[in-house]
Amino acid sequence: MSFERVRGPKSDYYDCFHIRDFRKHDSIIVLMSGNRRVRGVVVSVDDESNLITFSSSEGEYVADTNAIIFLDDYRREWLERGTA
C-alpha cells in the first residue's frame, strides 16, 4: 500500500518545520543556492506568505521553510562563529 503524505500549507516539503516554529532571534542555518550554508538570525516571520526574513554576516535575506536546515533558540554570538 502506498500513499502520499499530506502536508500542511505552512510546513516545509519534508514536514520538518512549520512556519509557527520560527520566532524572532532564533538561530538558523539556511541552504542557499549552490548548496552553500549560511548561519542566520531570524528578523521576522510572515505567516501569510510563509517567508522568514533573516540576517547573516553577509546581509539580510528572505527564505521559505524549505530552505531551512537547522533551527534553534537564540544563541549568543551565533553569527560570529563562522560558516555553517
Protein backbone atom coordinates (compact mmCIF):
# COMPACT_ATOMS: atom_id res chain seq x y z
CA MET A 1 0.00 0.00 0.00
CA SER A 2 1.37 3.42 -0.87
CA PHE A 3 0.05 6.85 -0.11
CA GLU A 4 1.22 10.42 -0.34
CA ARG A 5 1.80 12.21 2.93
CA VAL A 6 -0.46 15.18 3.39
CA ARG A 7 1.45 18.30 4.28
CA GLY A 8 0.09 21.48 5.74
CA PRO A 9 0.26 24.67 3.69
CA LYS A 10 2.56 26.28 6.26
CA SER A 11 5.03 23.37 6.54
CA ASP A 12 8.16 22.68 4.54
CA TYR A 13 8.35 19.95 1.90
CA TYR A 14 9.59 17.29 4.34
CA ASP A 15 7.22 18.38 7.11
CA CYS A 16 10.14 19.10 9.47
CA PHE A 17 9.35 22.76 10.12
CA HIS A 18 6.13 24.72 10.36
CA ILE A 19 6.16 28.49 9.91
CA ARG A 20 5.00 28.89 13.52
CA ASP A 21 8.15 27.09 14.74
CA PHE A 22 10.12 30.24 13.96
CA ARG A 23 10.41 33.25 16.27
CA LYS A 24 12.36 36.48 16.14
CA HIS A 25 16.01 35.99 17.20
CA ASP A 26 16.04 32.21 16.56
CA SER A 27 19.32 30.80 15.23
CA ILE A 28 19.04 29.11 11.83
CA ILE A 29 21.13 27.63 9.05
CA VAL A 30 19.81 28.21 5.55
CA LEU A 31 20.72 26.28 2.41
CA MET A 32 21.37 28.93 -0.23
CA SER A 33 21.94 28.49 -3.96
CA GLY A 34 24.91 26.33 -4.87
CA ASN A 35 24.42 24.25 -1.69
CA ARG A 36 26.06 27.00 0.35
CA ARG A 37 25.07 27.00 4.03
CA VAL A 38 24.63 30.33 5.80
CA ARG A 39 24.13 30.99 9.51
CA GLY A 40 21.39 33.47 10.25
CA VAL A 41 19.25 35.04 12.93
CA VAL A 42 15.50 35.38 12.33
CA VAL A 43 14.44 39.01 11.96
CA SER A 44 10.77 38.47 11.15
CA VAL A 45 8.29 35.75 10.23
CA ASP A 46 5.41 36.27 7.80
CA ASP A 47 2.68 33.69 8.46
CA GLU A 48 0.67 34.70 5.42
CA SER A 49 3.39 34.29 2.79
CA ASN A 50 5.28 31.54 4.67
CA LEU A 51 8.52 33.55 4.48
CA ILE A 52 11.27 34.11 7.02
CA THR A 53 13.48 37.19 6.94
CA PHE A 54 16.88 36.59 8.46
CA SER A 55 20.11 38.45 8.99
CA SER A 56 23.51 36.89 8.33
CA SER A 57 27.07 38.19 8.40
CA GLU A 58 26.62 38.78 4.64
CA GLY A 59 23.39 40.79 4.83
CA GLU A 60 19.65 40.35 5.15
CA TYR A 61 17.77 37.69 3.17
CA VAL A 62 14.32 36.11 2.81
CA ALA A 63 13.76 32.34 2.72
CA ASP A 64 10.88 29.91 2.93
CA THR A 65 10.75 26.94 5.28
CA ASN A 66 12.11 24.60 2.58
CA ALA A 67 15.50 26.35 2.70
CA ILE A 68 15.92 25.98 6.48
CA ILE A 69 18.09 23.04 7.53
CA PHE A 70 18.66 23.95 11.20
CA LEU A 71 16.61 25.77 13.82
CA ASP A 72 17.40 26.51 17.45
CA ASP A 73 16.63 29.09 20.10
CA TYR A 74 18.72 32.24 20.29
CA ARG A 75 22.44 31.51 20.56
CA ARG A 76 24.78 34.26 21.64
CA GLU A 77 27.46 35.08 19.05
CA TRP A 78 25.80 32.73 16.51
CA LEU A 79 26.85 34.82 13.51
CA GLU A 80 30.43 35.26 14.71
CA ARG A 81 31.14 31.50 14.83
CA GLY A 82 31.96 31.28 11.12
CA THR A 83 30.37 29.30 8.36
CA ALA A 84 27.76 26.64 8.91
